[in-house]
Protein backbone atom coordinates (compact mmCIF):
# COMPACT_ATOMS: atom_id res chain seq x y z
CA MET A 1 33.16 -79.47 9.40
CA ILE A 2 32.77 -77.80 12.74
CA PHE A 3 30.17 -75.00 12.79
CA GLU A 4 31.03 -72.48 15.52
CA PRO A 5 28.29 -69.89 16.08
CA THR A 6 29.59 -66.32 16.15
CA PRO A 7 28.12 -63.71 18.53
CA LEU A 8 25.84 -62.64 15.63
CA GLN A 9 22.82 -64.93 15.43
CA GLY A 10 22.71 -67.15 12.36
CA SER A 11 26.34 -66.63 11.35
CA TYR A 12 29.09 -69.21 11.72
CA LEU A 13 32.82 -69.57 11.58
CA ILE A 14 33.24 -72.96 9.96
CA LYS A 15 36.38 -74.94 10.72
CA LEU A 16 37.22 -77.43 8.02
CA GLN A 17 38.89 -80.71 8.85
CA PRO A 18 41.52 -81.53 6.21
CA MET A 19 42.81 -85.06 5.74
CA GLN A 20 46.52 -84.76 5.06
CA ASP A 21 49.15 -87.18 3.86
CA GLU A 22 52.32 -87.11 1.78
CA ARG A 23 50.34 -85.97 -1.30
CA GLY A 24 48.87 -82.91 0.38
CA PHE A 25 45.34 -82.59 1.73
CA PHE A 26 41.69 -83.23 0.93
CA VAL A 27 38.96 -81.18 2.58
CA ARG A 28 35.19 -81.04 2.22
CA ILE A 29 33.99 -77.43 1.94
CA PHE A 30 30.29 -78.10 1.45
CA CYS A 31 27.89 -80.87 2.42
CA LYS A 32 24.18 -80.22 1.97
CA LYS A 33 23.26 -82.42 4.96
CA GLU A 34 25.68 -80.66 7.32
CA PHE A 35 24.47 -77.23 6.22
CA GLU A 36 20.84 -78.29 6.62
CA ALA A 37 21.67 -79.04 10.28
CA ILE A 38 22.26 -75.29 10.85
CA GLY A 39 19.06 -74.36 9.01
CA HIS A 40 20.59 -73.61 5.60
CA GLU A 41 18.06 -74.52 2.91
CA LYS A 42 18.83 -72.24 -0.03
CA GLU A 43 20.78 -73.28 -3.09
CA PHE A 44 24.10 -71.61 -3.86
CA VAL A 45 23.63 -70.14 -7.36
CA GLN A 46 26.82 -68.17 -7.99
CA MET A 47 30.49 -68.51 -7.07
CA ASN A 48 33.06 -65.71 -7.34
CA GLN A 49 36.75 -65.25 -6.65
CA SER A 50 38.50 -62.11 -5.45
CA CYS A 51 42.24 -61.83 -6.15
CA ASN A 52 44.10 -59.11 -4.27
CA LYS A 53 47.68 -58.14 -5.09
CA LEU A 54 48.61 -56.16 -1.99
CA LYS A 55 48.56 -56.61 1.76
CA GLY A 56 46.17 -54.09 3.32
CA THR A 57 43.64 -54.16 0.47
CA LEU A 58 40.16 -53.56 1.87
CA ARG A 59 36.93 -54.55 0.13
CA GLY A 60 33.56 -53.76 1.70
CA MET A 61 31.25 -53.37 3.42
CA HIS A 62 28.77 -54.72 0.84
CA TYR A 63 25.19 -56.01 0.94
CA GLN A 64 22.21 -56.54 -1.36
CA LEU A 65 18.75 -55.16 -0.58
CA PRO A 66 15.56 -57.24 -0.65
CA PRO A 67 14.43 -59.10 -2.61
CA HIS A 68 18.02 -59.89 -3.64
CA GLN A 69 19.48 -60.60 -0.20
CA GLU A 70 21.99 -63.40 -0.17
CA ILE A 71 23.70 -65.88 2.05
CA LYS A 72 27.45 -65.99 1.45
CA LEU A 73 29.98 -68.70 2.19
CA VAL A 74 33.50 -67.22 2.12
CA ARG A 75 36.82 -69.08 2.07
CA CYS A 76 40.39 -67.84 1.66
CA ILE A 77 42.30 -70.09 -0.77
CA ALA A 78 45.61 -68.16 -0.90
CA GLY A 79 47.17 -65.80 1.61
CA SER A 80 45.25 -64.42 4.58
CA ALA A 81 42.39 -61.99 5.21
CA TYR A 82 40.48 -60.48 8.13
CA ASP A 83 36.86 -61.21 7.20
CA VAL A 84 34.14 -59.00 8.71
CA ILE A 85 30.35 -59.20 8.87
CA ILE A 86 27.87 -56.62 10.20
CA ASP A 87 24.35 -57.49 11.33
CA LEU A 88 21.95 -55.15 9.49
CA ARG A 89 18.75 -56.90 10.61
CA LYS A 90 16.84 -54.07 12.26
CA HIS A 91 15.03 -56.29 14.82
CA SER A 92 18.08 -58.37 15.76
CA PRO A 93 19.56 -58.04 19.26
CA THR A 94 22.97 -57.60 17.56
CA TYR A 95 21.81 -54.95 15.07
CA LEU A 96 24.84 -52.94 13.85
CA HIS A 97 27.30 -55.20 15.70
CA TYR A 98 30.18 -56.74 13.81
CA PHE A 99 32.24 -59.90 13.99
CA GLY A 100 35.62 -60.48 12.38
CA ALA A 101 37.91 -63.48 12.03
CA GLU A 102 41.03 -64.39 10.12
CA LEU A 103 40.51 -66.66 7.15
CA SER A 104 43.63 -68.09 5.56
CA SER A 105 44.76 -70.82 3.23
CA GLU A 106 46.38 -72.44 6.25
CA ASN A 107 43.74 -72.24 9.00
CA PHE A 108 40.95 -73.90 6.95
CA CYS A 109 38.20 -71.57 8.22
CA MET A 110 35.19 -70.25 6.31
CA MET A 111 32.63 -67.55 7.16
CA TYR A 112 28.90 -68.27 6.80
CA VAL A 113 27.18 -64.91 6.25
CA PRO A 114 23.37 -64.91 6.60
CA GLU A 115 20.93 -62.70 4.71
CA GLY A 116 20.69 -59.20 6.11
CA PHE A 117 24.42 -58.78 6.75
CA ALA A 118 27.08 -56.55 5.22
CA HIS A 119 30.37 -58.26 4.36
CA GLY A 120 33.92 -57.15 3.69
CA PHE A 121 37.54 -58.08 4.30
CA GLN A 122 41.08 -56.79 4.53
CA THR A 123 44.03 -58.73 3.15
CA LEU A 124 46.80 -59.57 5.61
CA ALA A 125 49.24 -60.80 2.97
CA ASP A 126 50.16 -60.02 -0.63
CA HIS A 127 48.48 -62.22 -3.27
CA THR A 128 45.42 -63.14 -1.23
CA SER A 129 42.46 -64.83 -2.93
CA LEU A 130 39.00 -65.54 -1.55
CA VAL A 131 36.13 -67.51 -3.06
CA TYR A 132 32.49 -66.77 -2.27
CA GLN A 133 29.38 -68.81 -2.87
CA HIS A 134 26.10 -66.88 -3.08
CA THR A 135 22.44 -67.89 -2.78
CA ALA A 136 21.26 -64.98 -4.96
CA PHE A 137 22.44 -63.65 -8.28
CA TYR A 138 24.19 -60.29 -8.26
CA ALA A 139 21.61 -57.52 -8.80
CA PRO A 140 23.36 -54.20 -9.55
CA GLY A 141 20.33 -52.07 -8.71
CA SER A 142 20.05 -53.69 -5.28
CA GLU A 143 23.63 -53.36 -4.11
CA GLY A 144 24.60 -51.19 -1.19
CA GLY A 145 27.45 -50.56 1.15
CA LEU A 146 28.57 -49.01 4.39
CA ARG A 147 31.78 -47.15 5.16
CA PHE A 148 34.54 -49.47 6.33
CA ASP A 149 35.60 -46.85 8.89
CA ASP A 150 32.16 -45.88 10.23
CA GLN A 151 32.67 -45.00 13.90
CA ARG A 152 29.14 -46.13 14.77
CA ILE A 153 30.23 -49.70 13.85
CA GLY A 154 33.83 -49.31 15.05
CA ILE A 155 35.53 -52.13 13.14
CA ASP A 156 39.01 -52.72 14.50
CA TRP A 157 40.90 -53.48 11.29
CA PRO A 158 44.21 -55.28 12.00
CA ILE A 159 46.35 -53.00 9.82
CA LEU A 160 46.03 -49.61 8.16
CA PRO A 161 44.11 -50.02 4.87
CA THR A 162 46.41 -49.38 1.89
CA CYS A 163 44.21 -50.02 -1.14
CA ILE A 164 40.46 -49.27 -1.26
CA SER A 165 38.32 -48.76 -4.35
CA GLU A 166 36.88 -45.31 -4.97
CA LYS A 167 33.40 -46.83 -4.79
CA ASP A 168 34.04 -48.32 -1.32
CA GLN A 169 35.50 -45.02 -0.10
CA GLN A 170 32.35 -43.17 -1.20
CA TYR A 171 29.81 -45.27 0.68
CA PRO A 172 27.99 -43.10 3.21
CA TYR A 173 28.31 -43.20 6.97
CA LEU A 174 25.31 -44.65 8.81
CA MET A 175 24.18 -41.30 10.15
CA GLU A 176 24.10 -39.86 6.61
CA SER A 177 22.01 -42.47 4.84
CA PHE A 178 20.94 -45.49 6.80
CA ASN A 179 17.96 -44.13 8.69
CA GLY A 180 14.79 -45.86 7.54
CA ILE A 181 16.39 -48.38 5.16
CA GLN A 182 14.98 -51.81 5.95
CA ILE A 183 17.62 -54.47 5.23
CA SER A 184 15.60 -57.39 6.54
């Protein structure tokens, strides 16, 4: 695994190194020792999969409030997605900055999302699936979200969103609700 730091401190784009032969490929997606080298010490306690039928589907931008913050490890196992993270750590030099990268079943990249970040993605192909590992259990009363099209963040989505849940469309803009909320 190659851990490439993103411009947002503590987050990484992880490039996997598949071993391929006539049978297909084998790839390591987690090694406790390698993750400890970047400072990761928490246990992953939950793993989820998101299956998306249509190109242009947008999910996000989601986060969990303290004390239920989580680290996420995200990998695309079918299709392709533009994966986006937003730094919500109030005292970070990259507060409210975002980073996005393509994750696909063919490029063998994963996104390491630290605590205090919002996360979301847009599918770039039909039948796209992503798997996420989490260091905290889902806590419904602690979930939150930001608008995917908030101009204060200015995410440059690759294509026009075509399918967004009602819940994700109803998240507030930063100016409406985010003042005074301490994410980290």
